[in-house]
PDB file of all heavy atoms in Angstrom:
ATOM      1  N   VAL A   1      27.732  25.300  98.983  1.00  0.00           N
ATOM      2  CA  VAL A   1      26.443  24.635  98.800  1.00  0.00           C
ATOM      3  C   VAL A   1      25.366  25.475  98.085  1.00  0.00           C
ATOM      4  O   VAL A   1      24.665  25.037  97.263  1.00  0.00           O
ATOM      5  CB  VAL A   1      25.909  24.064 100.150  1.00  0.00           C
ATOM      6  CG1 VAL A   1      24.527  23.534 100.013  1.00  0.00           C
ATOM      7  CG2 VAL A   1      26.856  23.014 100.768  1.00  0.00           C
ATOM      8  N   THR A   2      25.346  26.765  98.464  1.00  0.00           N
ATOM      9  CA  THR A   2      24.475  27.651  97.804  1.00  0.00           C
ATOM     10  C   THR A   2      24.763  27.763  96.321  1.00  0.00           C
ATOM     11  O   THR A   2      23.780  27.720  95.478  1.00  0.00           O
ATOM     12  CB  THR A   2      24.521  29.057  98.466  1.00  0.00           C
ATOM     13  OG1 THR A   2      24.204  28.914  99.866  1.00  0.00           O
ATOM     14  CG2 THR A   2      23.574  30.036  97.869  1.00  0.00           C
ATOM     15  N   VAL A   3      25.990  27.877  96.050  1.00  0.00           N
ATOM     16  CA  VAL A   3      26.430  27.930  94.526  1.00  0.00           C
ATOM     17  C   VAL A   3      25.986  26.651  93.852  1.00  0.00           C
ATOM     18  O   VAL A   3      25.550  26.596  92.712  1.00  0.00           O
ATOM     19  CB  VAL A   3      27.940  28.192  94.446  1.00  0.00           C
ATOM     20  CG1 VAL A   3      28.328  28.084  93.003  1.00  0.00           C
ATOM     21  CG2 VAL A   3      28.249  29.616  94.959  1.00  0.00           C
ATOM     22  N   MET A   4      26.258  25.463  94.531  1.00  0.00           N
ATOM     23  CA  MET A   4      25.875  24.192  93.856  1.00  0.00           C
ATOM     24  C   MET A   4      24.361  24.142  93.665  1.00  0.00           C
ATOM     25  O   MET A   4      23.863  23.599  92.667  1.00  0.00           O
ATOM     26  CB  MET A   4      26.342  23.105  94.790  1.00  0.00           C
ATOM     27  CG  MET A   4      27.763  22.867  94.831  1.00  0.00           C
ATOM     28  SD  MET A   4      28.427  22.167  93.297  1.00  0.00           S
ATOM     29  CE  MET A   4      30.147  21.830  93.827  1.00  0.00           C
ATOM     30  N   MET A   5      23.572  24.678  94.624  1.00  0.00           N
ATOM     31  CA  MET A   5      22.085  24.730  94.398  1.00  0.00           C
ATOM     32  C   MET A   5      21.744  25.542  93.188  1.00  0.00           C
ATOM     33  O   MET A   5      20.886  25.209  92.431  1.00  0.00           O
ATOM     34  CB  MET A   5      21.435  25.176  95.688  1.00  0.00           C
ATOM     35  CG  MET A   5      21.569  24.225  96.860  1.00  0.00           C
ATOM     36  SD  MET A   5      20.890  25.035  98.369  1.00  0.00           S
ATOM     37  CE  MET A   5      19.197  25.281  97.940  1.00  0.00           C
ATOM     38  N   ILE A   6      22.390  26.710  93.131  1.00  0.00           N
ATOM     39  CA  ILE A   6      22.099  27.585  91.886  1.00  0.00           C
ATOM     40  C   ILE A   6      22.506  26.842  90.606  1.00  0.00           C
ATOM     41  O   ILE A   6      21.753  26.919  89.616  1.00  0.00           O
ATOM     42  CB  ILE A   6      22.866  28.860  92.053  1.00  0.00           C
ATOM     43  CG1 ILE A   6      22.332  29.660  93.278  1.00  0.00           C
ATOM     44  CG2 ILE A   6      22.709  29.760  90.802  1.00  0.00           C
ATOM     45  CD1 ILE A   6      23.102  30.978  93.594  1.00  0.00           C
ATOM     46  N   ALA A   7      23.674  26.182  90.649  1.00  0.00           N
ATOM     47  CA  ALA A   7      24.096  25.481  89.442  1.00  0.00           C
ATOM     48  C   ALA A   7      23.168  24.390  89.058  1.00  0.00           C
ATOM     49  O   ALA A   7      22.857  24.117  87.863  1.00  0.00           O
ATOM     50  CB  ALA A   7      25.516  24.907  89.698  1.00  0.00           C
ATOM     51  N   ALA A   8      22.634  23.610  90.120  1.00  0.00           N
ATOM     52  CA  ALA A   8      21.664  22.555  89.822  1.00  0.00           C
ATOM     53  C   ALA A   8      20.385  23.093  89.242  1.00  0.00           C
ATOM     54  O   ALA A   8      19.863  22.465  88.321  1.00  0.00           O
ATOM     55  CB  ALA A   8      21.368  21.771  91.124  1.00  0.00           C
ATOM     56  N   TRP A   9      19.968  24.160  89.751  1.00  0.00           N
ATOM     57  CA  TRP A   9      18.758  24.840  89.225  1.00  0.00           C
ATOM     58  C   TRP A   9      18.957  25.311  87.734  1.00  0.00           C
ATOM     59  O   TRP A   9      18.068  25.089  86.894  1.00  0.00           O
ATOM     60  CB  TRP A   9      18.337  26.005  90.051  1.00  0.00           C
ATOM     61  CG  TRP A   9      17.158  26.807  89.541  1.00  0.00           C
ATOM     62  CD1 TRP A   9      15.786  26.426  89.639  1.00  0.00           C
ATOM     63  CD2 TRP A   9      17.147  28.030  88.795  1.00  0.00           C
ATOM     64  NE1 TRP A   9      15.004  27.326  88.976  1.00  0.00           N
ATOM     65  CE2 TRP A   9      15.781  28.333  88.470  1.00  0.00           C
ATOM     66  CE3 TRP A   9      18.199  28.904  88.421  1.00  0.00           C
ATOM     67  CZ2 TRP A   9      15.481  29.499  87.800  1.00  0.00           C
ATOM     68  CZ3 TRP A   9      17.819  30.039  87.723  1.00  0.00           C
ATOM     69  CH2 TRP A   9      16.527  30.295  87.452  1.00  0.00           C
ATOM     70  N   LEU A  10      20.087  25.813  87.490  1.00  0.00           N
ATOM     71  CA  LEU A  10      20.450  26.225  86.085  1.00  0.00           C
ATOM     72  C   LEU A  10      20.471  24.993  85.160  1.00  0.00           C
ATOM     73  O   LEU A  10      19.948  25.102  84.043  1.00  0.00           O
ATOM     74  CB  LEU A  10      21.774  26.993  86.057  1.00  0.00           C
ATOM     75  CG  LEU A  10      21.807  28.380  86.648  1.00  0.00           C
ATOM     76  CD1 LEU A  10      23.220  28.930  86.686  1.00  0.00           C
ATOM     77  CD2 LEU A  10      20.886  29.359  85.900  1.00  0.00           C
ATOM     78  N   ARG A  11      21.084  23.944  85.646  1.00  0.00           N
ATOM     79  CA  ARG A  11      21.201  22.738  84.797  1.00  0.00           C
ATOM     80  C   ARG A  11      19.786  22.136  84.515  1.00  0.00           C
ATOM     81  O   ARG A  11      19.537  21.631  83.417  1.00  0.00           O
ATOM     82  CB  ARG A  11      22.022  21.655  85.544  1.00  0.00           C
ATOM     83  CG  ARG A  11      23.475  21.988  85.541  1.00  0.00           C
ATOM     84  CD  ARG A  11      24.369  20.777  85.890  1.00  0.00           C
ATOM     85  NE  ARG A  11      23.868  20.096  87.122  1.00  0.00           N
ATOM     86  CZ  ARG A  11      24.384  20.436  88.350  1.00  0.00           C
ATOM     87  NH1 ARG A  11      25.253  21.403  88.502  1.00  0.00           N
ATOM     88  NH2 ARG A  11      23.916  19.776  89.377  1.00  0.00           N
ATOM     89  N   ARG A  12      18.852  22.217  85.519  1.00  0.00           N
ATOM     90  CA  ARG A  12      17.558  21.664  85.256  1.00  0.00           C
ATOM     91  C   ARG A  12      16.693  22.599  84.426  1.00  0.00           C
ATOM     92  O   ARG A  12      15.933  22.198  83.591  1.00  0.00           O
ATOM     93  CB  ARG A  12      16.888  21.540  86.622  1.00  0.00           C
ATOM     94  CG  ARG A  12      15.448  20.866  86.495  1.00  0.00           C
ATOM     95  CD  ARG A  12      14.918  20.332  87.851  1.00  0.00           C
ATOM     96  NE  ARG A  12      13.673  19.716  87.735  1.00  0.00           N
ATOM     97  CZ  ARG A  12      13.053  19.165  88.669  1.00  0.00           C
ATOM     98  NH1 ARG A  12      13.573  19.079  89.837  1.00  0.00           N
ATOM     99  NH2 ARG A  12      11.823  18.584  88.468  1.00  0.00           N
ATOM    100  N   THR A  13      16.830  23.932  84.633  1.00  0.00           N
ATOM    101  CA  THR A  13      16.043  24.935  83.910  1.00  0.00           C
ATOM    102  C   THR A  13      16.496  25.074  82.465  1.00  0.00           C
ATOM    103  O   THR A  13      15.612  25.170  81.572  1.00  0.00           O
ATOM    104  CB  THR A  13      15.992  26.230  84.660  1.00  0.00           C
ATOM    105  OG1 THR A  13      15.640  26.099  85.956  1.00  0.00           O
ATOM    106  CG2 THR A  13      15.049  27.290  84.025  1.00  0.00           C
ATOM    107  N   TRP A  14      17.771  25.202  82.321  1.00  0.00           N
ATOM    108  CA  TRP A  14      18.328  25.390  80.911  1.00  0.00           C
ATOM    109  C   TRP A  14      19.381  24.221  80.729  1.00  0.00           C
ATOM    110  O   TRP A  14      20.638  24.475  80.918  1.00  0.00           O
ATOM    111  CB  TRP A  14      18.964  26.723  80.804  1.00  0.00           C
ATOM    112  CG  TRP A  14      18.042  27.901  80.779  1.00  0.00           C
ATOM    113  CD1 TRP A  14      17.248  28.291  79.856  1.00  0.00           C
ATOM    114  CD2 TRP A  14      17.932  28.763  81.947  1.00  0.00           C
ATOM    115  NE1 TRP A  14      16.469  29.379  80.275  1.00  0.00           N
ATOM    116  CE2 TRP A  14      16.842  29.732  81.549  1.00  0.00           C
ATOM    117  CE3 TRP A  14      18.441  28.923  83.185  1.00  0.00           C
ATOM    118  CZ2 TRP A  14      16.420  30.695  82.289  1.00  0.00           C
ATOM    119  CZ3 TRP A  14      17.928  29.901  84.007  1.00  0.00           C
ATOM    120  CH2 TRP A  14      16.963  30.737  83.639  1.00  0.00           C
ATOM    121  N   PRO A  15      18.979  23.050  80.471  1.00  0.00           N
ATOM    122  CA  PRO A  15      19.872  21.878  80.310  1.00  0.00           C
ATOM    123  C   PRO A  15      20.877  22.160  79.158  1.00  0.00           C
ATOM    124  O   PRO A  15      20.453  22.698  78.124  1.00  0.00           O
ATOM    125  CB  PRO A  15      18.964  20.733  80.045  1.00  0.00           C
ATOM    126  CG  PRO A  15      17.669  21.308  79.545  1.00  0.00           C
ATOM    127  CD  PRO A  15      17.559  22.615  80.224  1.00  0.00           C
ATOM    128  N   ALA A  16      22.053  21.705  79.367  1.00  0.00           N
ATOM    129  CA  ALA A  16      23.091  21.841  78.330  1.00  0.00           C
ATOM    130  C   ALA A  16      22.837  20.774  77.237  1.00  0.00           C
ATOM    131  O   ALA A  16      22.353  19.710  77.658  1.00  0.00           O
ATOM    132  CB  ALA A  16      24.462  21.679  78.969  1.00  0.00           C
ATOM    133  N   PRO A  17      23.145  21.127  75.959  1.00  0.00           N
ATOM    134  CA  PRO A  17      23.009  20.023  75.011  1.00  0.00           C
ATOM    135  C   PRO A  17      23.884  18.826  75.264  1.00  0.00           C
ATOM    136  O   PRO A  17      24.960  18.999  75.913  1.00  0.00           O
ATOM    137  CB  PRO A  17      23.523  20.780  73.682  1.00  0.00           C
ATOM    138  CG  PRO A  17      24.378  21.847  74.224  1.00  0.00           C
ATOM    139  CD  PRO A  17      23.724  22.327  75.500  1.00  0.00           C
ATOM    140  N   GLU A  18      23.445  17.723  74.930  1.00  0.00           N
ATOM    141  CA  GLU A  18      24.119  16.469  75.169  1.00  0.00           C
ATOM    142  C   GLU A  18      25.550  16.520  74.498  1.00  0.00           C
ATOM    143  O   GLU A  18      25.603  16.814  73.276  1.00  0.00           O
ATOM    144  CB  GLU A  18      23.362  15.259  74.683  1.00  0.00           C
ATOM    145  CG  GLU A  18      23.959  13.925  75.098  1.00  0.00           C
ATOM    146  CD  GLU A  18      23.123  12.686  74.612  1.00  0.00           C
ATOM    147  OE1 GLU A  18      22.007  13.051  74.210  1.00  0.00           O
ATOM    148  OE2 GLU A  18      23.575  11.629  74.791  1.00  0.00           O
ATOM    149  N   LYS A  19      26.523  16.178  75.256  1.00  0.00           N
ATOM    150  CA  LYS A  19      27.909  16.196  74.705  1.00  0.00           C
ATOM    151  C   LYS A  19      28.237  14.887  73.996  1.00  0.00           C
ATOM    152  O   LYS A  19      27.829  13.789  74.424  1.00  0.00           O
ATOM    153  CB  LYS A  19      28.903  16.455  75.817  1.00  0.00           C
ATOM    154  CG  LYS A  19      28.815  17.807  76.524  1.00  0.00           C
ATOM    155  CD  LYS A  19      29.778  17.944  77.643  1.00  0.00           C
ATOM    156  CE  LYS A  19      29.651  19.289  78.376  1.00  0.00           C
ATOM    157  NZ  LYS A  19      30.643  19.451  79.438  1.00  0.00           N
ATOM    158  N   VAL A  20      29.010  15.014  72.907  1.00  0.00           N
ATOM    159  CA  VAL A  20      29.339  13.815  72.135  1.00  0.00           C
ATOM    160  C   VAL A  20      30.862  13.586  72.443  1.00  0.00           C
ATOM    161  O   VAL A  20      31.652  14.468  72.255  1.00  0.00           O
ATOM    162  CB  VAL A  20      29.115  14.049  70.628  1.00  0.00           C
ATOM    163  CG1 VAL A  20      29.608  12.915  69.867  1.00  0.00           C
ATOM    164  CG2 VAL A  20      27.599  14.353  70.353  1.00  0.00           C
ATOM    165  N   TRP A  21      31.158  12.467  72.850  1.00  0.00           N
ATOM    166  CA  TRP A  21      32.588  12.118  73.247  1.00  0.00           C
ATOM    167  C   TRP A  21      33.380  11.956  71.996  1.00  0.00           C
ATOM    168  O   TRP A  21      33.005  11.420  71.062  1.00  0.00           O
ATOM    169  CB  TRP A  21      32.665  10.816  74.064  1.00  0.00           C
ATOM    170  CG  TRP A  21      33.968  10.543  74.540  1.00  0.00           C
ATOM    171  CD1 TRP A  21      34.712  10.990  75.551  1.00  0.00           C
ATOM    172  CD2 TRP A  21      34.926   9.658  73.871  1.00  0.00           C
ATOM    173  NE1 TRP A  21      35.936  10.428  75.609  1.00  0.00           N
ATOM    174  CE2 TRP A  21      36.091   9.658  74.534  1.00  0.00           C
ATOM    175  CE3 TRP A  21      34.834   8.849  72.700  1.00  0.00           C
ATOM    176  CZ2 TRP A  21      37.176   8.810  74.233  1.00  0.00           C
ATOM    177  CZ3 TRP A  21      35.891   8.056  72.306  1.00  0.00           C
ATOM    178  CH2 TRP A  21      37.084   8.074  73.019  1.00  0.00           C
ATOM    179  N   GLN A  22      34.572  12.564  72.067  1.00  0.00           N
ATOM    180  CA  GLN A  22      35.519  12.383  70.896  1.00  0.00           C
ATOM    181  C   GLN A  22      36.815  12.060  71.486  1.00  0.00           C
ATOM    182  O   GLN A  22      37.260  12.648  72.519  1.00  0.00           O
ATOM    183  CB  GLN A  22      35.643  13.778  70.115  1.00  0.00           C
ATOM    184  CG  GLN A  22      34.276  14.193  69.454  1.00  0.00           C
ATOM    185  CD  GLN A  22      34.534  15.458  68.732  1.00  0.00           C
ATOM    186  OE1 GLN A  22      35.607  16.038  68.748  1.00  0.00           O
ATOM    187  NE2 GLN A  22      33.451  15.847  68.134  1.00  0.00           N
ATOM    188  N   PRO A  23      37.532  11.102  71.000  1.00  0.00           N
ATOM    189  CA  PRO A  23      38.798  10.624  71.457  1.00  0.00           C
ATOM    190  C   PRO A  23      39.870  11.714  71.133  1.00  0.00           C
ATOM    191  O   PRO A  23      39.897  12.452  70.165  1.00  0.00           O
ATOM    192  CB  PRO A  23      39.106   9.351  70.743  1.00  0.00           C
ATOM    193  CG  PRO A  23      38.372   9.492  69.487  1.00  0.00           C
ATOM    194  CD  PRO A  23      37.131  10.250  69.800  1.00  0.00           C
ATOM    195  N   THR A  24      40.690  11.957  72.187  1.00  0.00           N
ATOM    196  CA  THR A  24      41.867  12.907  71.908  1.00  0.00           C
ATOM    197  C   THR A  24      43.115  12.154  72.448  1.00  0.00           C
ATOM    198  O   THR A  24      43.132  11.039  72.980  1.00  0.00           O
ATOM    199  CB  THR A  24      41.726  14.115  72.839  1.00  0.00           C
ATOM    200  OG1 THR A  24      41.594  13.732  74.231  1.00  0.00           O
ATOM    201  CG2 THR A  24      40.358  14.807  72.526  1.00  0.00           C
ATOM    202  N   ARG A  25      44.248  12.798  72.155  1.00  0.00           N
ATOM    203  CA  ARG A  25      45.497  12.257  72.537  1.00  0.00           C
ATOM    204  C   ARG A  25      45.639  11.983  73.996  1.00  0.00           C
ATOM    205  O   ARG A  25      46.283  11.046  74.453  1.00  0.00           O
ATOM    206  CB  ARG A  25      46.728  13.072  72.033  1.00  0.00           C
ATOM    207  CG  ARG A  25      46.760  13.162  70.497  1.00  0.00           C
ATOM    208  CD  ARG A  25      47.975  14.022  70.168  1.00  0.00           C
ATOM    209  NE  ARG A  25      48.053  14.114  68.647  1.00  0.00           N
ATOM    210  CZ  ARG A  25      48.954  14.849  67.980  1.00  0.00           C
ATOM    211  NH1 ARG A  25      49.859  15.495  68.752  1.00  0.00           N
ATOM    212  NH2 ARG A  25      49.030  14.836  66.757  1.00  0.00           N
ATOM    213  N   ALA A  26      45.078  12.957  74.772  1.00  0.00           N
ATOM    214  CA  ALA A  26      45.157  12.798  76.203  1.00  0.00           C
ATOM    215  C   ALA A  26      44.047  11.954  76.860  1.00  0.00           C
ATOM    216  O   ALA A  26      43.828  11.906  78.047  1.00  0.00           O
ATOM    217  CB  ALA A  26      45.138  14.238  76.894  1.00  0.00           C
ATOM    218  N   ASN A  27      43.098  11.430  75.925  1.00  0.00           N
ATOM    219  CA  ASN A  27      41.975  10.675  76.412  1.00  0.00           C
ATOM    220  C   ASN A  27      41.096  11.448  77.240  1.00  0.00           C
ATOM    221  O   ASN A  27      40.563  11.000  78.263  1.00  0.00           O
ATOM    222  CB  ASN A  27      42.457   9.376  77.128  1.00  0.00           C
ATOM    223  CG  ASN A  27      43.133   8.395  76.177  1.00  0.00           C
ATOM    224  OD1 ASN A  27      42.722   8.336  75.085  1.00  0.00           O
ATOM    225  ND2 ASN A  27      44.150   7.747  76.647  1.00  0.00           N
ATOM    226  N   VAL A  28      40.921  12.699  77.026  1.00  0.00           N
ATOM    227  CA  VAL A  28      40.073  13.569  77.673  1.00  0.00           C
ATOM    228  C   VAL A  28      38.935  14.031  76.748  1.00  0.00           C
ATOM    229  O   VAL A  28      39.234  14.481  75.597  1.00  0.00           O
ATOM    230  CB  VAL A  28      40.823  14.836  78.257  1.00  0.00           C
ATOM    231  CG1 VAL A  28      39.961  15.807  79.006  1.00  0.00           C
ATOM    232  CG2 VAL A  28      41.972  14.413  79.134  1.00  0.00           C
ATOM    233  N   PRO A  29      37.752  14.150  77.183  1.00  0.00           N
ATOM    234  CA  PRO A  29      36.609  14.626  76.319  1.00  0.00           C
ATOM    235  C   PRO A  29      36.934  15.980  75.771  1.00  0.00           C
ATOM    236  O   PRO A  29      37.482  16.798  76.449  1.00  0.00           O
ATOM    237  CB  PRO A  29      35.356  14.680  77.255  1.00  0.00           C
ATOM    238  CG  PRO A  29      35.693  13.592  78.320  1.00  0.00           C
ATOM    239  CD  PRO A  29      37.199  13.705  78.520  1.00  0.00           C
ATOM    240  N   ALA A  30      36.545  16.236  74.538  1.00  0.00           N
ATOM    241  CA  ALA A  30      36.796  17.482  73.853  1.00  0.00           C
ATOM    242  C   ALA A  30      36.167  18.681  74.634  1.00  0.00           C
ATOM    243  O   ALA A  30      35.162  18.535  75.242  1.00  0.00           O
ATOM    244  CB  ALA A  30      36.315  17.417  72.484  1.00  0.00           C
ATOM    245  N   ASN A  31      36.725  19.848  74.500  1.00  0.00           N
ATOM    246  CA  ASN A  31      36.218  21.070  75.101  1.00  0.00           C
ATOM    247  C   ASN A  31      36.189  21.050  76.585  1.00  0.00           C
ATOM    248  O   ASN A  31      35.436  21.845  77.224  1.00  0.00           O
ATOM    249  CB  ASN A  31      34.766  21.327  74.511  1.00  0.00           C
ATOM    250  CG  ASN A  31      34.754  21.431  73.111  1.00  0.00           C
ATOM    251  OD1 ASN A  31      35.667  21.995  72.441  1.00  0.00           O
ATOM    252  ND2 ASN A  31      33.686  20.967  72.447  1.00  0.00           N
ATOM    253  N   SER A  32      36.988  20.209  77.222  1.00  0.00           N
ATOM    254  CA  SER A  32      37.059  20.151  78.653  1.00  0.00           C
ATOM    255  C   SER A  32      38.127  21.260  79.158  1.00  0.00           C
ATOM    256  O   SER A  32      39.301  21.109  78.813  1.00  0.00           O
ATOM    257  CB  SER A  32      37.456  18.718  79.202  1.00  0.00           C
ATOM    258  OG  SER A  32      37.510  18.784  80.646  1.00  0.00           O
ATOM    259  N   ASN A  33      37.632  22.167  79.943  1.00  0.00           N
ATOM    260  CA  ASN A  33      38.488  23.261  80.415  1.00  0.00           C
ATOM    261  C   ASN A  33      38.489  23.302  81.873  1.00  0.00           C
ATOM    262  O   ASN A  33      38.661  24.367  82.381  1.00  0.00           O
ATOM    263  CB  ASN A  33      38.020  24.605  79.836  1.00  0.00           C
ATOM    264  CG  ASN A  33      38.154  24.542  78.328  1.00  0.00           C
ATOM    265  OD1 ASN A  33      39.185  24.297  77.722  1.00  0.00           O
ATOM    266  ND2 ASN A  33      37.095  24.950  77.595  1.00  0.00           N
ATOM    267  N   ARG A  34      38.346  22.201  82.570  1.00  0.00           N
ATOM    268  CA  ARG A  34      38.227  22.298  84.024  1.00  0.00           C
ATOM    269  C   ARG A  34      39.486  22.778  84.735  1.00  0.00           C
ATOM    270  O   ARG A  34      39.394  23.479  85.705  1.00  0.00           O
ATOM    271  CB  ARG A  34      37.851  20.861  84.563  1.00  0.00           C
ATOM    272  CG  ARG A  34      36.335  20.523  84.486  1.00  0.00           C
ATOM    273  CD  ARG A  34      36.052  19.372  85.342  1.00  0.00           C
ATOM    274  NE  ARG A  34      34.598  19.174  85.439  1.00  0.00           N
ATOM    275  CZ  ARG A  34      33.921  18.408  84.558  1.00  0.00           C
ATOM    276  NH1 ARG A  34      34.572  17.758  83.658  1.00  0.00           N
ATOM    277  NH2 ARG A  34      32.674  18.272  84.677  1.00  0.00           N
ATOM    278  N   GLY A  35      40.639  22.477  84.114  1.00  0.00           N
ATOM    279  CA  GLY A  35      41.928  23.012  84.606  1.00  0.00           C
ATOM    280  C   GLY A  35      41.913  24.514  84.629  1.00  0.00           C
ATOM    281  O   GLY A  35      42.291  25.140  85.669  1.00  0.00           O
ATOM    282  N   ARG A  36      41.517  25.133  83.471  1.00  0.00           N
ATOM    283  CA  ARG A  36      41.503  26.559  83.442  1.00  0.00           C
ATOM    284  C   ARG A  36      40.495  27.154  84.395  1.00  0.00           C
ATOM    285  O   ARG A  36      40.706  28.208  85.068  1.00  0.00           O
ATOM    286  CB  ARG A  36      41.236  27.011  81.965  1.00  0.00           C
ATOM    287  CG  ARG A  36      42.224  26.614  80.975  1.00  0.00           C
ATOM    288  CD  ARG A  36      41.874  27.008  79.627  1.00  0.00           C
ATOM    289  NE  ARG A  36      42.875  26.627  78.559  1.00  0.00           N
ATOM    290  CZ  ARG A  36      42.754  26.875  77.235  1.00  0.00           C
ATOM    291  NH1 ARG A  36      41.682  27.528  76.830  1.00  0.00           N
ATOM    292  NH2 ARG A  36      43.675  26.440  76.430  1.00  0.00           N
ATOM    293  N   PHE A  37      39.316  26.463  84.390  1.00  0.00           N
ATOM    294  CA  PHE A  37      38.247  27.043  85.327  1.00  0.00           C
ATOM    295  C   PHE A  37      38.713  26.976  86.753  1.00  0.00           C
ATOM    296  O   PHE A  37      38.381  27.854  87.613  1.00  0.00           O
ATOM    297  CB  PHE A  37      36.939  26.311  85.107  1.00  0.00           C
ATOM    298  CG  PHE A  37      36.355  26.538  83.757  1.00  0.00           C
ATOM    299  CD1 PHE A  37      35.708  25.520  83.082  1.00  0.00           C
ATOM    300  CD2 PHE A  37      36.422  27.697  83.133  1.00  0.00           C
ATOM    301  CE1 PHE A  37      35.154  25.676  81.813  1.00  0.00           C
ATOM    302  CE2 PHE A  37      35.911  27.961  81.822  1.00  0.00           C
ATOM    303  CZ  PHE A  37      35.249  26.948  81.109  1.00  0.00           C
ATOM    304  N   ALA A  38      39.440  25.857  87.099  1.00  0.00           N
ATOM    305  CA  ALA A  38      39.936  25.711  88.515  1.00  0.00           C
ATOM    306  C   ALA A  38      40.918  26.750  88.862  1.00  0.00           C
ATOM    307  O   ALA A  38      40.829  27.408  89.891  1.00  0.00           O
ATOM    308  CB  ALA A  38      40.540  24.291  88.698  1.00  0.00           C
TER     309      ALA A  38
END
């Protein structure tokens, strides 16, 4: 929860640029690396 609070503060203070969806063969948004991060 503490980490989530820090992440929420970072997202609000330094918002990420809006992502543009691009179709891929796997139907996954481009630049998604959640598997590696996990």
